mmCIF file of all heavy atoms, coordinates in Angstrom:
data_MODEL
# 
_entry.id   MODEL 
# 
loop_
_atom_site.group_PDB 
_atom_site.id 
_atom_site.type_symbol 
_atom_site.label_atom_id 
_atom_site.label_alt_id 
_atom_site.label_comp_id 
_atom_site.label_asym_id 
_atom_site.label_entity_id 
_atom_site.label_seq_id 
_atom_site.pdbx_PDB_ins_code 
_atom_site.Cartn_x 
_atom_site.Cartn_y 
_atom_site.Cartn_z 
_atom_site.occupancy 
_atom_site.B_iso_or_equiv 
_atom_site.pdbx_formal_charge 
_atom_site.auth_seq_id 
_atom_site.auth_comp_id 
_atom_site.auth_asym_id 
_atom_site.auth_atom_id 
_atom_site.pdbx_PDB_model_num 
ATOM 1   N N   . VAL A 1 1  ? 59.063 146.838 119.748 1.00 0.00 ? 1  VAL A N   1 
ATOM 2   C CA  . VAL A 1 1  ? 59.932 147.191 118.553 1.00 0.00 ? 1  VAL A CA  1 
ATOM 3   C C   . VAL A 1 1  ? 59.321 146.534 117.373 1.00 0.00 ? 1  VAL A C   1 
ATOM 4   O O   . VAL A 1 1  ? 58.751 145.425 117.429 1.00 0.00 ? 1  VAL A O   1 
ATOM 5   C CB  . VAL A 1 1  ? 61.452 146.819 118.780 1.00 0.00 ? 1  VAL A CB  1 
ATOM 6   C CG1 . VAL A 1 1  ? 61.593 145.287 118.877 1.00 0.00 ? 1  VAL A CG1 1 
ATOM 7   C CG2 . VAL A 1 1  ? 62.301 147.332 117.691 1.00 0.00 ? 1  VAL A CG2 1 
ATOM 8   N N   . TYR A 1 2  ? 59.459 147.211 116.242 1.00 0.00 ? 2  TYR A N   1 
ATOM 9   C CA  . TYR A 1 2  ? 58.787 146.792 115.010 1.00 0.00 ? 2  TYR A CA  1 
ATOM 10  C C   . TYR A 1 2  ? 59.782 146.715 113.877 1.00 0.00 ? 2  TYR A C   1 
ATOM 11  O O   . TYR A 1 2  ? 60.834 147.406 113.874 1.00 0.00 ? 2  TYR A O   1 
ATOM 12  C CB  . TYR A 1 2  ? 57.668 147.747 114.564 1.00 0.00 ? 2  TYR A CB  1 
ATOM 13  C CG  . TYR A 1 2  ? 56.686 147.958 115.691 1.00 0.00 ? 2  TYR A CG  1 
ATOM 14  C CD1 . TYR A 1 2  ? 56.719 149.099 116.492 1.00 0.00 ? 2  TYR A CD1 1 
ATOM 15  C CD2 . TYR A 1 2  ? 55.657 147.039 115.874 1.00 0.00 ? 2  TYR A CD2 1 
ATOM 16  C CE1 . TYR A 1 2  ? 55.812 149.306 117.516 1.00 0.00 ? 2  TYR A CE1 1 
ATOM 17  C CE2 . TYR A 1 2  ? 54.729 147.264 116.915 1.00 0.00 ? 2  TYR A CE2 1 
ATOM 18  C CZ  . TYR A 1 2  ? 54.751 148.408 117.677 1.00 0.00 ? 2  TYR A CZ  1 
ATOM 19  O OH  . TYR A 1 2  ? 53.868 148.662 118.725 1.00 0.00 ? 2  TYR A OH  1 
ATOM 20  N N   . LEU A 1 3  ? 59.467 145.899 112.863 1.00 0.00 ? 3  LEU A N   1 
ATOM 21  C CA  . LEU A 1 3  ? 60.201 145.864 111.626 1.00 0.00 ? 3  LEU A CA  1 
ATOM 22  C C   . LEU A 1 3  ? 59.220 145.938 110.460 1.00 0.00 ? 3  LEU A C   1 
ATOM 23  O O   . LEU A 1 3  ? 58.534 144.926 110.185 1.00 0.00 ? 3  LEU A O   1 
ATOM 24  C CB  . LEU A 1 3  ? 61.105 144.581 111.506 1.00 0.00 ? 3  LEU A CB  1 
ATOM 25  C CG  . LEU A 1 3  ? 62.016 144.536 110.284 1.00 0.00 ? 3  LEU A CG  1 
ATOM 26  C CD1 . LEU A 1 3  ? 63.122 145.607 110.374 1.00 0.00 ? 3  LEU A CD1 1 
ATOM 27  C CD2 . LEU A 1 3  ? 62.611 143.175 110.111 1.00 0.00 ? 3  LEU A CD2 1 
ATOM 28  N N   . GLN A 1 4  ? 59.171 147.065 109.842 1.00 0.00 ? 4  GLN A N   1 
ATOM 29  C CA  . GLN A 1 4  ? 58.311 147.194 108.624 1.00 0.00 ? 4  GLN A CA  1 
ATOM 30  C C   . GLN A 1 4  ? 59.114 146.799 107.455 1.00 0.00 ? 4  GLN A C   1 
ATOM 31  O O   . GLN A 1 4  ? 60.176 147.317 107.173 1.00 0.00 ? 4  GLN A O   1 
ATOM 32  C CB  . GLN A 1 4  ? 57.804 148.659 108.464 1.00 0.00 ? 4  GLN A CB  1 
ATOM 33  C CG  . GLN A 1 4  ? 57.014 148.930 107.301 1.00 0.00 ? 4  GLN A CG  1 
ATOM 34  C CD  . GLN A 1 4  ? 55.717 148.213 107.301 1.00 0.00 ? 4  GLN A CD  1 
ATOM 35  O OE1 . GLN A 1 4  ? 55.026 148.173 108.340 1.00 0.00 ? 4  GLN A OE1 1 
ATOM 36  N NE2 . GLN A 1 4  ? 55.265 147.646 106.181 1.00 0.00 ? 4  GLN A NE2 1 
ATOM 37  N N   . MET A 1 5  ? 58.593 145.747 106.725 1.00 0.00 ? 5  MET A N   1 
ATOM 38  C CA  . MET A 1 5  ? 59.296 145.195 105.598 1.00 0.00 ? 5  MET A CA  1 
ATOM 39  C C   . MET A 1 5  ? 58.482 145.476 104.322 1.00 0.00 ? 5  MET A C   1 
ATOM 40  O O   . MET A 1 5  ? 57.329 144.929 104.247 1.00 0.00 ? 5  MET A O   1 
ATOM 41  C CB  . MET A 1 5  ? 59.486 143.704 105.821 1.00 0.00 ? 5  MET A CB  1 
ATOM 42  C CG  . MET A 1 5  ? 60.252 143.353 107.107 1.00 0.00 ? 5  MET A CG  1 
ATOM 43  S SD  . MET A 1 5  ? 60.647 141.587 107.302 1.00 0.00 ? 5  MET A SD  1 
ATOM 44  C CE  . MET A 1 5  ? 58.999 140.894 107.386 1.00 0.00 ? 5  MET A CE  1 
ATOM 45  N N   . ASP A 1 6  ? 58.983 146.242 103.437 1.00 0.00 ? 6  ASP A N   1 
ATOM 46  C CA  . ASP A 1 6  ? 58.290 146.566 102.200 1.00 0.00 ? 6  ASP A CA  1 
ATOM 47  C C   . ASP A 1 6  ? 59.188 146.013 100.998 1.00 0.00 ? 6  ASP A C   1 
ATOM 48  O O   . ASP A 1 6  ? 60.331 145.672 101.129 1.00 0.00 ? 6  ASP A O   1 
ATOM 49  C CB  . ASP A 1 6  ? 58.141 148.076 102.039 1.00 0.00 ? 6  ASP A CB  1 
ATOM 50  C CG  . ASP A 1 6  ? 57.323 148.690 103.162 1.00 0.00 ? 6  ASP A CG  1 
ATOM 51  O OD1 . ASP A 1 6  ? 56.283 148.053 103.464 1.00 0.00 ? 6  ASP A OD1 1 
ATOM 52  O OD2 . ASP A 1 6  ? 57.642 149.717 103.694 1.00 0.00 ? 6  ASP A OD2 1 
ATOM 53  N N   . SER A 1 7  ? 58.475 145.931 99.858  1.00 0.00 ? 7  SER A N   1 
ATOM 54  C CA  . SER A 1 7  ? 59.185 145.465 98.683  1.00 0.00 ? 7  SER A CA  1 
ATOM 55  C C   . SER A 1 7  ? 59.945 144.149 98.886  1.00 0.00 ? 7  SER A C   1 
ATOM 56  O O   . SER A 1 7  ? 61.084 143.998 98.520  1.00 0.00 ? 7  SER A O   1 
ATOM 57  C CB  . SER A 1 7  ? 60.191 146.504 98.082  1.00 0.00 ? 7  SER A CB  1 
ATOM 58  O OG  . SER A 1 7  ? 59.468 147.717 97.811  1.00 0.00 ? 7  SER A OG  1 
ATOM 59  N N   . LEU A 1 8  ? 59.202 143.252 99.508  1.00 0.00 ? 8  LEU A N   1 
ATOM 60  C CA  . LEU A 1 8  ? 59.852 142.001 99.914  1.00 0.00 ? 8  LEU A CA  1 
ATOM 61  C C   . LEU A 1 8  ? 60.240 141.171 98.701  1.00 0.00 ? 8  LEU A C   1 
ATOM 62  O O   . LEU A 1 8  ? 59.594 141.182 97.665  1.00 0.00 ? 8  LEU A O   1 
ATOM 63  C CB  . LEU A 1 8  ? 58.907 141.172 100.773 1.00 0.00 ? 8  LEU A CB  1 
ATOM 64  C CG  . LEU A 1 8  ? 58.838 141.640 102.254 1.00 0.00 ? 8  LEU A CG  1 
ATOM 65  C CD1 . LEU A 1 8  ? 57.562 141.182 102.976 1.00 0.00 ? 8  LEU A CD1 1 
ATOM 66  C CD2 . LEU A 1 8  ? 60.077 141.174 103.017 1.00 0.00 ? 8  LEU A CD2 1 
ATOM 67  N N   . LYS A 1 9  ? 61.383 140.454 98.842  1.00 0.00 ? 9  LYS A N   1 
ATOM 68  C CA  . LYS A 1 9  ? 61.980 139.647 97.810  1.00 0.00 ? 9  LYS A CA  1 
ATOM 69  C C   . LYS A 1 9  ? 61.983 138.160 98.339  1.00 0.00 ? 9  LYS A C   1 
ATOM 70  O O   . LYS A 1 9  ? 62.014 137.887 99.539  1.00 0.00 ? 9  LYS A O   1 
ATOM 71  C CB  . LYS A 1 9  ? 63.372 140.097 97.452  1.00 0.00 ? 9  LYS A CB  1 
ATOM 72  C CG  . LYS A 1 9  ? 63.477 141.571 97.053  1.00 0.00 ? 9  LYS A CG  1 
ATOM 73  C CD  . LYS A 1 9  ? 64.942 141.938 96.890  1.00 0.00 ? 9  LYS A CD  1 
ATOM 74  C CE  . LYS A 1 9  ? 65.028 143.447 96.435  1.00 0.00 ? 9  LYS A CE  1 
ATOM 75  N NZ  . LYS A 1 9  ? 66.417 143.782 96.300  1.00 0.00 ? 9  LYS A NZ  1 
ATOM 76  N N   . THR A 1 10 ? 62.115 137.262 97.329  1.00 0.00 ? 10 THR A N   1 
ATOM 77  C CA  . THR A 1 10 ? 62.134 135.798 97.798  1.00 0.00 ? 10 THR A CA  1 
ATOM 78  C C   . THR A 1 10 ? 63.353 135.592 98.756  1.00 0.00 ? 10 THR A C   1 
ATOM 79  O O   . THR A 1 10 ? 63.253 134.770 99.613  1.00 0.00 ? 10 THR A O   1 
ATOM 80  C CB  . THR A 1 10 ? 62.227 134.937 96.549  1.00 0.00 ? 10 THR A CB  1 
ATOM 81  O OG1 . THR A 1 10 ? 63.401 135.398 95.692  1.00 0.00 ? 10 THR A OG1 1 
ATOM 82  C CG2 . THR A 1 10 ? 60.970 135.033 95.692  1.00 0.00 ? 10 THR A CG2 1 
ATOM 83  N N   . GLU A 1 11 ? 64.436 136.347 98.519  1.00 0.00 ? 11 GLU A N   1 
ATOM 84  C CA  . GLU A 1 11 ? 65.619 136.107 99.339  1.00 0.00 ? 11 GLU A CA  1 
ATOM 85  C C   . GLU A 1 11 ? 65.435 136.616 100.730 1.00 0.00 ? 11 GLU A C   1 
ATOM 86  O O   . GLU A 1 11 ? 66.309 136.419 101.592 1.00 0.00 ? 11 GLU A O   1 
ATOM 87  C CB  . GLU A 1 11 ? 66.859 136.732 98.659  1.00 0.00 ? 11 GLU A CB  1 
ATOM 88  C CG  . GLU A 1 11 ? 66.701 138.088 98.301  1.00 0.00 ? 11 GLU A CG  1 
ATOM 89  C CD  . GLU A 1 11 ? 66.368 138.299 96.747  1.00 0.00 ? 11 GLU A CD  1 
ATOM 90  O OE1 . GLU A 1 11 ? 65.498 137.558 96.278  1.00 0.00 ? 11 GLU A OE1 1 
ATOM 91  O OE2 . GLU A 1 11 ? 66.938 139.155 96.106  1.00 0.00 ? 11 GLU A OE2 1 
ATOM 92  N N   . ASP A 1 12 ? 64.363 137.297 101.058 1.00 0.00 ? 12 ASP A N   1 
ATOM 93  C CA  . ASP A 1 12 ? 64.126 137.709 102.415 1.00 0.00 ? 12 ASP A CA  1 
ATOM 94  C C   . ASP A 1 12 ? 63.457 136.593 103.263 1.00 0.00 ? 12 ASP A C   1 
ATOM 95  O O   . ASP A 1 12 ? 63.302 136.783 104.454 1.00 0.00 ? 12 ASP A O   1 
ATOM 96  C CB  . ASP A 1 12 ? 63.121 138.928 102.464 1.00 0.00 ? 12 ASP A CB  1 
ATOM 97  C CG  . ASP A 1 12 ? 63.733 140.179 101.853 1.00 0.00 ? 12 ASP A CG  1 
ATOM 98  O OD1 . ASP A 1 12 ? 64.921 140.439 102.076 1.00 0.00 ? 12 ASP A OD1 1 
ATOM 99  O OD2 . ASP A 1 12 ? 63.022 140.907 101.052 1.00 0.00 ? 12 ASP A OD2 1 
ATOM 100 N N   . THR A 1 13 ? 63.131 135.486 102.627 1.00 0.00 ? 13 THR A N   1 
ATOM 101 C CA  . THR A 1 13 ? 62.548 134.352 103.307 1.00 0.00 ? 13 THR A CA  1 
ATOM 102 C C   . THR A 1 13 ? 63.543 133.883 104.338 1.00 0.00 ? 13 THR A C   1 
ATOM 103 O O   . THR A 1 13 ? 64.728 133.586 104.031 1.00 0.00 ? 13 THR A O   1 
ATOM 104 C CB  . THR A 1 13 ? 62.261 133.225 102.321 1.00 0.00 ? 13 THR A CB  1 
ATOM 105 O OG1 . THR A 1 13 ? 61.229 133.651 101.397 1.00 0.00 ? 13 THR A OG1 1 
ATOM 106 C CG2 . THR A 1 13 ? 61.844 131.971 103.103 1.00 0.00 ? 13 THR A CG2 1 
ATOM 107 N N   . ALA A 1 14 ? 63.038 133.779 105.602 1.00 0.00 ? 14 ALA A N   1 
ATOM 108 C CA  . ALA A 1 14 ? 63.934 133.371 106.699 1.00 0.00 ? 14 ALA A CA  1 
ATOM 109 C C   . ALA A 1 14 ? 63.120 133.349 108.027 1.00 0.00 ? 14 ALA A C   1 
ATOM 110 O O   . ALA A 1 14 ? 61.922 133.793 108.012 1.00 0.00 ? 14 ALA A O   1 
ATOM 111 C CB  . ALA A 1 14 ? 65.105 134.412 106.892 1.00 0.00 ? 14 ALA A CB  1 
ATOM 112 N N   . VAL A 1 15 ? 63.720 132.826 109.066 1.00 0.00 ? 15 VAL A N   1 
ATOM 113 C CA  . VAL A 1 15 ? 63.224 132.971 110.365 1.00 0.00 ? 15 VAL A CA  1 
ATOM 114 C C   . VAL A 1 15 ? 63.761 134.327 110.969 1.00 0.00 ? 15 VAL A C   1 
ATOM 115 O O   . VAL A 1 15 ? 64.985 134.482 110.970 1.00 0.00 ? 15 VAL A O   1 
ATOM 116 C CB  . VAL A 1 15 ? 63.498 131.833 111.291 1.00 0.00 ? 15 VAL A CB  1 
ATOM 117 C CG1 . VAL A 1 15 ? 62.970 132.050 112.700 1.00 0.00 ? 15 VAL A CG1 1 
ATOM 118 C CG2 . VAL A 1 15 ? 62.905 130.496 110.695 1.00 0.00 ? 15 VAL A CG2 1 
ATOM 119 N N   . TYR A 1 16 ? 62.902 135.178 111.423 1.00 0.00 ? 16 TYR A N   1 
ATOM 120 C CA  . TYR A 1 16 ? 63.353 136.506 111.915 1.00 0.00 ? 16 TYR A CA  1 
ATOM 121 C C   . TYR A 1 16 ? 63.250 136.469 113.459 1.00 0.00 ? 16 TYR A C   1 
ATOM 122 O O   . TYR A 1 16 ? 62.281 136.055 114.025 1.00 0.00 ? 16 TYR A O   1 
ATOM 123 C CB  . TYR A 1 16 ? 62.428 137.546 111.382 1.00 0.00 ? 16 TYR A CB  1 
ATOM 124 C CG  . TYR A 1 16 ? 62.733 137.952 109.930 1.00 0.00 ? 16 TYR A CG  1 
ATOM 125 C CD1 . TYR A 1 16 ? 62.432 137.018 108.944 1.00 0.00 ? 16 TYR A CD1 1 
ATOM 126 C CD2 . TYR A 1 16 ? 63.383 139.106 109.627 1.00 0.00 ? 16 TYR A CD2 1 
ATOM 127 C CE1 . TYR A 1 16 ? 62.742 137.286 107.634 1.00 0.00 ? 16 TYR A CE1 1 
ATOM 128 C CE2 . TYR A 1 16 ? 63.695 139.385 108.276 1.00 0.00 ? 16 TYR A CE2 1 
ATOM 129 C CZ  . TYR A 1 16 ? 63.381 138.537 107.282 1.00 0.00 ? 16 TYR A CZ  1 
ATOM 130 O OH  . TYR A 1 16 ? 63.717 138.823 106.003 1.00 0.00 ? 16 TYR A OH  1 
ATOM 131 N N   . TYR A 1 17 ? 64.368 136.908 114.040 1.00 0.00 ? 17 TYR A N   1 
ATOM 132 C CA  . TYR A 1 17 ? 64.526 136.865 115.506 1.00 0.00 ? 17 TYR A CA  1 
ATOM 133 C C   . TYR A 1 17 ? 64.685 138.272 115.999 1.00 0.00 ? 17 TYR A C   1 
ATOM 134 O O   . TYR A 1 17 ? 65.378 139.121 115.430 1.00 0.00 ? 17 TYR A O   1 
ATOM 135 C CB  . TYR A 1 17 ? 65.851 136.092 115.832 1.00 0.00 ? 17 TYR A CB  1 
ATOM 136 C CG  . TYR A 1 17 ? 65.718 134.636 115.525 1.00 0.00 ? 17 TYR A CG  1 
ATOM 137 C CD1 . TYR A 1 17 ? 66.228 134.201 114.278 1.00 0.00 ? 17 TYR A CD1 1 
ATOM 138 C CD2 . TYR A 1 17 ? 65.238 133.690 116.419 1.00 0.00 ? 17 TYR A CD2 1 
ATOM 139 C CE1 . TYR A 1 17 ? 66.188 132.812 113.950 1.00 0.00 ? 17 TYR A CE1 1 
ATOM 140 C CE2 . TYR A 1 17 ? 65.190 132.355 116.152 1.00 0.00 ? 17 TYR A CE2 1 
ATOM 141 C CZ  . TYR A 1 17 ? 65.649 131.928 114.868 1.00 0.00 ? 17 TYR A CZ  1 
ATOM 142 O OH  . TYR A 1 17 ? 65.667 130.574 114.591 1.00 0.00 ? 17 TYR A OH  1 
ATOM 143 N N   . CYS A 1 18 ? 64.015 138.483 117.165 1.00 0.00 ? 18 CYS A N   1 
ATOM 144 C CA  . CYS A 1 18 ? 64.211 139.791 117.813 1.00 0.00 ? 18 CYS A CA  1 
ATOM 145 C C   . CYS A 1 18 ? 65.313 139.610 118.916 1.00 0.00 ? 18 CYS A C   1 
ATOM 146 O O   . CYS A 1 18 ? 65.349 138.603 119.671 1.00 0.00 ? 18 CYS A O   1 
ATOM 147 C CB  . CYS A 1 18 ? 62.917 140.167 118.496 1.00 0.00 ? 18 CYS A CB  1 
ATOM 148 S SG  . CYS A 1 18 ? 62.981 141.711 119.450 1.00 0.00 ? 18 CYS A SG  1 
ATOM 149 N N   . LEU A 1 19 ? 66.192 140.597 119.053 1.00 0.00 ? 19 LEU A N   1 
ATOM 150 C CA  . LEU A 1 19 ? 67.240 140.574 120.030 1.00 0.00 ? 19 LEU A CA  1 
ATOM 151 C C   . LEU A 1 19 ? 66.993 141.827 120.959 1.00 0.00 ? 19 LEU A C   1 
ATOM 152 O O   . LEU A 1 19 ? 66.862 142.902 120.517 1.00 0.00 ? 19 LEU A O   1 
ATOM 153 C CB  . LEU A 1 19 ? 68.600 140.719 119.390 1.00 0.00 ? 19 LEU A CB  1 
ATOM 154 C CG  . LEU A 1 19 ? 69.722 141.036 120.313 1.00 0.00 ? 19 LEU A CG  1 
ATOM 155 C CD1 . LEU A 1 19 ? 70.032 139.837 121.195 1.00 0.00 ? 19 LEU A CD1 1 
ATOM 156 C CD2 . LEU A 1 19 ? 70.963 141.408 119.487 1.00 0.00 ? 19 LEU A CD2 1 
ATOM 157 N N   . LYS A 1 20 ? 67.092 141.483 122.265 1.00 0.00 ? 20 LYS A N   1 
ATOM 158 C CA  . LYS A 1 20 ? 67.162 142.516 123.313 1.00 0.00 ? 20 LYS A CA  1 
ATOM 159 C C   . LYS A 1 20 ? 68.559 142.492 123.865 1.00 0.00 ? 20 LYS A C   1 
ATOM 160 O O   . LYS A 1 20 ? 69.019 141.417 124.316 1.00 0.00 ? 20 LYS A O   1 
ATOM 161 C CB  . LYS A 1 20 ? 66.032 142.179 124.371 1.00 0.00 ? 20 LYS A CB  1 
ATOM 162 C CG  . LYS A 1 20 ? 66.257 142.950 125.681 1.00 0.00 ? 20 LYS A CG  1 
ATOM 163 C CD  . LYS A 1 20 ? 65.308 142.375 126.700 1.00 0.00 ? 20 LYS A CD  1 
ATOM 164 C CE  . LYS A 1 20 ? 65.753 142.583 128.148 1.00 0.00 ? 20 LYS A CE  1 
ATOM 165 N NZ  . LYS A 1 20 ? 64.750 141.963 129.062 1.00 0.00 ? 20 LYS A NZ  1 
ATOM 166 N N   . ARG A 1 21 ? 69.109 143.655 123.900 1.00 0.00 ? 21 ARG A N   1 
ATOM 167 C CA  . ARG A 1 21 ? 70.478 143.697 124.414 1.00 0.00 ? 21 ARG A CA  1 
ATOM 168 C C   . ARG A 1 21 ? 70.530 144.661 125.621 1.00 0.00 ? 21 ARG A C   1 
ATOM 169 O O   . ARG A 1 21 ? 70.344 145.881 125.426 1.00 0.00 ? 21 ARG A O   1 
ATOM 170 C CB  . ARG A 1 21 ? 71.485 144.181 123.318 1.00 0.00 ? 21 ARG A CB  1 
ATOM 171 C CG  . ARG A 1 21 ? 72.936 144.284 123.816 1.00 0.00 ? 21 ARG A CG  1 
ATOM 172 C CD  . ARG A 1 21 ? 73.895 144.539 122.692 1.00 0.00 ? 21 ARG A CD  1 
ATOM 173 N NE  . ARG A 1 21 ? 73.981 143.334 121.816 1.00 0.00 ? 21 ARG A NE  1 
ATOM 174 C CZ  . ARG A 1 21 ? 74.414 143.368 120.555 1.00 0.00 ? 21 ARG A CZ  1 
ATOM 175 N NH1 . ARG A 1 21 ? 74.943 144.431 120.063 1.00 0.00 ? 21 ARG A NH1 1 
ATOM 176 N NH2 . ARG A 1 21 ? 74.492 142.257 119.818 1.00 0.00 ? 21 ARG A NH2 1 
ATOM 177 N N   . PHE A 1 22 ? 70.659 144.111 126.745 1.00 0.00 ? 22 PHE A N   1 
ATOM 178 C CA  . PHE A 1 22 ? 70.733 144.890 128.017 1.00 0.00 ? 22 PHE A CA  1 
ATOM 179 C C   . PHE A 1 22 ? 71.264 143.983 129.050 1.00 0.00 ? 22 PHE A C   1 
ATOM 180 O O   . PHE A 1 22 ? 70.575 143.044 129.486 1.00 0.00 ? 22 PHE A O   1 
ATOM 181 C CB  . PHE A 1 22 ? 69.328 145.444 128.371 1.00 0.00 ? 22 PHE A CB  1 
ATOM 182 C CG  . PHE A 1 22 ? 69.333 146.307 129.593 1.00 0.00 ? 22 PHE A CG  1 
ATOM 183 C CD1 . PHE A 1 22 ? 69.843 147.604 129.559 1.00 0.00 ? 22 PHE A CD1 1 
ATOM 184 C CD2 . PHE A 1 22 ? 68.824 145.875 130.811 1.00 0.00 ? 22 PHE A CD2 1 
ATOM 185 C CE1 . PHE A 1 22 ? 69.821 148.444 130.613 1.00 0.00 ? 22 PHE A CE1 1 
ATOM 186 C CE2 . PHE A 1 22 ? 68.857 146.706 131.936 1.00 0.00 ? 22 PHE A CE2 1 
ATOM 187 C CZ  . PHE A 1 22 ? 69.344 147.951 131.819 1.00 0.00 ? 22 PHE A CZ  1 
ATOM 188 N N   . ASN A 1 23 ? 72.399 144.207 129.502 1.00 0.00 ? 23 ASN A N   1 
ATOM 189 C CA  . ASN A 1 23 ? 73.086 143.273 130.496 1.00 0.00 ? 23 ASN A CA  1 
ATOM 190 C C   . ASN A 1 23 ? 73.099 141.851 129.912 1.00 0.00 ? 23 ASN A C   1 
ATOM 191 O O   . ASN A 1 23 ? 72.839 140.871 130.633 1.00 0.00 ? 23 ASN A O   1 
ATOM 192 C CB  . ASN A 1 23 ? 72.356 143.322 131.815 1.00 0.00 ? 23 ASN A CB  1 
ATOM 193 C CG  . ASN A 1 23 ? 72.574 144.606 132.552 1.00 0.00 ? 23 ASN A CG  1 
ATOM 194 O OD1 . ASN A 1 23 ? 73.505 145.331 132.289 1.00 0.00 ? 23 ASN A OD1 1 
ATOM 195 N ND2 . ASN A 1 23 ? 71.611 144.974 133.396 1.00 0.00 ? 23 ASN A ND2 1 
ATOM 196 N N   . GLY A 1 24 ? 73.383 141.759 128.624 1.00 0.00 ? 24 GLY A N   1 
ATOM 197 C CA  . GLY A 1 24 ? 73.421 140.465 127.984 1.00 0.00 ? 24 GLY A CA  1 
ATOM 198 C C   . GLY A 1 24 ? 72.494 140.430 126.780 1.00 0.00 ? 24 GLY A C   1 
ATOM 199 O O   . GLY A 1 24 ? 71.720 141.411 126.510 1.00 0.00 ? 24 GLY A O   1 
ATOM 200 N N   . ASN A 1 25 ? 72.556 139.368 126.003 1.00 0.00 ? 25 ASN A N   1 
ATOM 201 C CA  . ASN A 1 25 ? 71.754 139.276 124.772 1.00 0.00 ? 25 ASN A CA  1 
ATOM 202 C C   . ASN A 1 25 ? 70.609 138.256 125.050 1.00 0.00 ? 25 ASN A C   1 
ATOM 203 O O   . ASN A 1 25 ? 70.815 137.188 125.503 1.00 0.00 ? 25 ASN A O   1 
ATOM 204 C CB  . ASN A 1 25 ? 72.544 138.733 123.646 1.00 0.00 ? 25 ASN A CB  1 
ATOM 205 C CG  . ASN A 1 25 ? 73.489 139.729 123.113 1.00 0.00 ? 25 ASN A CG  1 
ATOM 206 O OD1 . ASN A 1 25 ? 73.313 140.948 123.292 1.00 0.00 ? 25 ASN A OD1 1 
ATOM 207 N ND2 . ASN A 1 25 ? 74.553 139.315 122.465 1.00 0.00 ? 25 ASN A ND2 1 
# 
């Protein structure tokens, strides 16, 4: 799974986490 991030802003600064949801998180 991908996340294409364009026109990034300073407020997008963060730790980004991937979640898989299937019989639990």
